[in-house]
């Protein structure tokens, strides 16, 4: 096995571990000292992407179990506080414990950051002359720029699309076109 393939395997397994733990692809590329495109290539592989999804699912289950345990503690402390209301001499110890449990970081599916998708929105202000060259679909996505149709595909499908395009051009050559 060559040094390059050993390095690729090592990077792949490390990337799998980090991505499975919920680290973003950009952070993984920085942590491993590789180009973001390598992480994108790993994720374009269906087997790798499935492994990442499985690891994230297992981590989410673990976090949900922990969150449920915290919820149980919180419920018990609330009940204890209710029981002590008639006596209300030293409720602050229970309130402090309740505050600590309540402020514990939730990591599972009920975590605030998992409820709302975090997206970076960029607003571009373009001159009207340029905007007139773009056509958008009902989802407000640009589908045509000038005379060029735009499509969205995964990077793993690029080679297949290129082969299909060359096959279509070679079977239907336009007048004056040269085969590449």
Protein backbone atom coordinates (compact mmCIF):
# COMPACT_ATOMS: atom_id res chain seq x y z
CA UNK A 1 0.00 0.00 0.00
CA UNK A 2 1.45 3.37 -0.99
CA UNK A 3 1.91 6.27 1.42
CA UNK A 4 -0.76 8.22 -0.50
CA UNK A 5 -3.41 5.50 -0.06
CA UNK A 6 -2.49 5.07 3.63
CA UNK A 7 -2.86 8.83 4.12
CA UNK A 8 -6.19 8.85 2.25
CA UNK A 9 -7.48 5.97 4.40
CA UNK A 10 -6.32 7.69 7.58
CA UNK A 11 -7.94 10.98 6.52
CA UNK A 12 -11.11 9.14 5.55
CA UNK A 13 -11.43 7.38 8.91
CA UNK A 14 -10.59 10.54 10.85
CA UNK A 15 -13.08 12.55 8.79
CA UNK A 16 -15.72 9.86 9.38
CA UNK A 17 -15.16 10.05 13.12
CA UNK A 18 -15.35 13.85 13.23
CA UNK A 19 -18.30 14.19 10.85
CA UNK A 20 -20.13 11.46 12.76
CA UNK A 21 -19.62 13.47 15.93
CA UNK A 22 -21.40 16.42 14.30
CA UNK A 23 -18.37 18.51 13.34
CA UNK A 24 -18.97 20.59 10.18
CA UNK A 25 -17.12 19.62 6.97
CA UNK A 26 -15.25 22.96 7.04
CA UNK A 27 -14.00 22.33 10.58
CA UNK A 28 -13.02 18.75 9.66
CA UNK A 29 -10.93 19.96 6.73
CA UNK A 30 -9.18 22.48 8.99
CA UNK A 31 -8.61 19.88 11.72
CA UNK A 32 -7.14 17.36 9.28
CA UNK A 33 -5.17 19.94 7.29
CA UNK A 34 -6.80 18.97 4.00
CA UNK A 35 -8.74 20.84 1.35
CA UNK A 36 -12.50 21.14 1.92
CA UNK A 37 -12.97 19.48 -1.48
CA UNK A 38 -11.52 16.22 -0.09
CA UNK A 39 -14.17 16.16 2.64
CA UNK A 40 -16.78 16.91 -0.02
CA UNK A 41 -15.49 13.97 -2.08
CA UNK A 42 -15.73 11.69 0.96
CA UNK A 43 -19.32 12.84 1.57
CA UNK A 44 -20.22 12.31 -2.10
CA UNK A 45 -19.55 8.58 -1.62
CA UNK A 46 -22.91 7.04 -0.62
CA UNK A 47 -21.30 4.45 1.68
CA UNK A 48 -19.29 7.10 3.51
CA UNK A 49 -22.33 9.40 3.80
CA UNK A 50 -24.40 6.50 5.20
CA UNK A 51 -21.71 5.77 7.78
CA UNK A 52 -21.68 9.44 8.81
CA UNK A 53 -25.48 9.42 9.09
CA UNK A 54 -25.39 6.24 11.22
CA UNK A 55 -22.78 7.73 13.57
CA UNK A 56 -24.78 10.95 13.91
CA UNK A 57 -27.93 8.95 14.60
CA UNK A 58 -26.20 6.97 17.37
CA UNK A 59 -24.82 10.19 18.87
CA UNK A 60 -28.28 11.79 18.75
CA UNK A 61 -29.80 8.79 20.55
CA UNK A 62 -27.12 9.03 23.24
CA UNK A 63 -27.73 12.76 23.66
CA UNK A 64 -31.49 12.25 23.79
CA UNK A 65 -31.02 9.67 26.58
CA UNK A 66 -28.91 12.17 28.52
CA UNK A 67 -31.48 14.92 27.94
CA UNK A 68 -34.22 12.60 29.20
CA UNK A 69 -32.20 11.94 32.35
CA UNK A 70 -31.83 15.70 32.92
CA UNK A 71 -35.56 16.12 32.31
CA UNK A 72 -36.23 13.44 34.95
CA UNK A 73 -34.00 15.23 37.45
CA UNK A 74 -35.71 18.49 36.69
CA UNK A 75 -39.15 16.90 37.20
CA UNK A 76 -38.06 15.40 40.54
CA UNK A 77 -36.70 18.74 41.75
CA UNK A 78 -39.87 20.55 40.71
CA UNK A 79 -41.93 18.00 42.65
CA UNK A 80 -39.66 18.38 45.67
CA UNK A 81 -40.03 22.17 45.50
CA UNK A 82 -43.84 21.82 45.32
CA UNK A 83 -43.76 19.57 48.39
CA UNK A 84 -41.70 22.14 50.30
CA UNK A 85 -43.84 25.17 49.45
CA UNK A 86 -45.91 24.86 52.66
CA UNK A 87 -42.71 24.80 54.73
CA UNK A 88 -40.72 27.38 52.68
CA UNK A 89 -37.88 27.78 55.15
CA UNK A 90 -34.93 26.76 52.92
CA UNK A 91 -36.15 26.33 49.35
CA UNK A 92 -33.03 27.96 47.90
CA UNK A 93 -31.02 24.72 47.90
CA UNK A 94 -33.65 23.08 45.72
CA UNK A 95 -33.97 26.19 43.57
CA UNK A 96 -30.17 26.23 43.04
CA UNK A 97 -30.20 22.55 42.06
CA UNK A 98 -33.19 23.13 39.78
CA UNK A 99 -31.44 26.09 38.16
CA UNK A 100 -28.29 24.03 37.56
CA UNK A 101 -30.23 21.15 35.99
CA UNK A 102 -32.42 23.48 33.99
CA UNK A 103 -29.42 25.34 32.56
CA UNK A 104 -27.59 22.13 31.63
CA UNK A 105 -26.78 22.07 27.94
CA UNK A 106 -29.24 19.98 25.98
CA UNK A 107 -27.55 18.16 23.11
CA UNK A 108 -30.20 15.94 21.58
CA UNK A 109 -33.08 16.62 19.25
CA UNK A 110 -34.62 19.06 21.74
CA UNK A 111 -31.51 21.26 21.74
CA UNK A 112 -32.36 24.77 20.49
CA UNK A 113 -29.74 24.65 17.75
CA UNK A 114 -31.21 21.43 16.33
CA UNK A 115 -34.76 22.78 16.30
CA UNK A 116 -33.98 25.64 13.93
CA UNK A 117 -31.66 25.01 11.03
CA UNK A 118 -28.67 27.28 11.16
CA UNK A 119 -28.12 28.84 7.78
CA UNK A 120 -25.99 31.65 6.57
CA UNK A 121 -28.02 33.95 4.37
CA UNK A 122 -26.24 36.26 2.01
CA UNK A 123 -28.12 39.07 0.35
CA UNK A 124 -26.74 40.40 -2.90
CA UNK A 125 -27.90 43.65 -4.43
CA UNK A 126 -27.39 43.51 -8.19
CA UNK A 127 -28.07 46.15 -10.83
CA UNK A 128 -31.32 45.69 -12.81
CA UNK A 129 -29.34 45.16 -16.05
CA UNK A 130 -27.72 42.06 -14.56
CA UNK A 131 -30.87 40.73 -12.87
CA UNK A 132 -32.69 40.70 -16.22
CA UNK A 133 -30.26 38.00 -17.43
CA UNK A 134 -31.36 35.55 -14.71
CA UNK A 135 -34.46 33.39 -14.62
CA UNK A 136 -35.70 31.95 -11.33
CA UNK A 137 -38.01 29.06 -10.52
CA UNK A 138 -40.87 29.05 -7.99
CA UNK A 139 -38.38 28.37 -5.16
CA UNK A 140 -36.53 31.59 -6.10
CA UNK A 141 -33.52 29.60 -7.33
CA UNK A 142 -31.64 30.82 -10.38
CA UNK A 143 -32.15 28.26 -13.16
CA UNK A 144 -30.90 30.22 -16.17
CA UNK A 145 -28.09 32.75 -16.45
CA UNK A 146 -28.05 34.42 -19.85
CA UNK A 147 -28.31 31.54 -22.36
CA UNK A 148 -26.89 28.96 -19.94
CA UNK A 149 -29.19 26.55 -18.10
CA UNK A 150 -28.04 25.84 -14.54
CA UNK A 151 -28.50 22.55 -12.70
CA UNK A 152 -27.76 21.45 -9.15
CA UNK A 153 -26.04 18.10 -8.72
CA UNK A 154 -23.84 16.34 -6.19
CA UNK A 155 -20.13 16.38 -6.93
CA UNK A 156 -20.11 12.57 -7.09
CA UNK A 157 -22.37 12.72 -10.18
CA UNK A 158 -20.10 15.08 -12.14
CA UNK A 159 -18.20 12.29 -13.95
CA UNK A 160 -21.44 10.54 -14.92
CA UNK A 161 -22.91 13.79 -16.23
CA UNK A 162 -19.75 14.54 -18.21
CA UNK A 163 -19.77 11.06 -19.80
CA UNK A 164 -23.47 11.40 -20.66
CA UNK A 165 -22.83 14.83 -22.16
CA UNK A 166 -19.94 13.55 -24.32
CA UNK A 167 -22.04 10.55 -25.42
CA UNK A 168 -24.92 12.84 -26.39
CA UNK A 169 -22.61 15.16 -28.34
CA UNK A 170 -20.90 12.30 -30.18
CA UNK A 171 -24.24 10.72 -31.17
CA UNK A 172 -25.69 14.07 -32.33
CA UNK A 173 -22.78 16.18 -33.61
CA UNK A 174 -23.78 19.69 -34.58
CA UNK A 175 -22.62 21.05 -37.96
CA UNK A 176 -19.07 22.31 -37.77
CA UNK A 177 -18.47 20.77 -34.32
CA UNK A 178 -15.34 18.79 -33.65
CA UNK A 179 -15.21 15.65 -31.54
CA UNK A 180 -13.12 16.04 -28.41
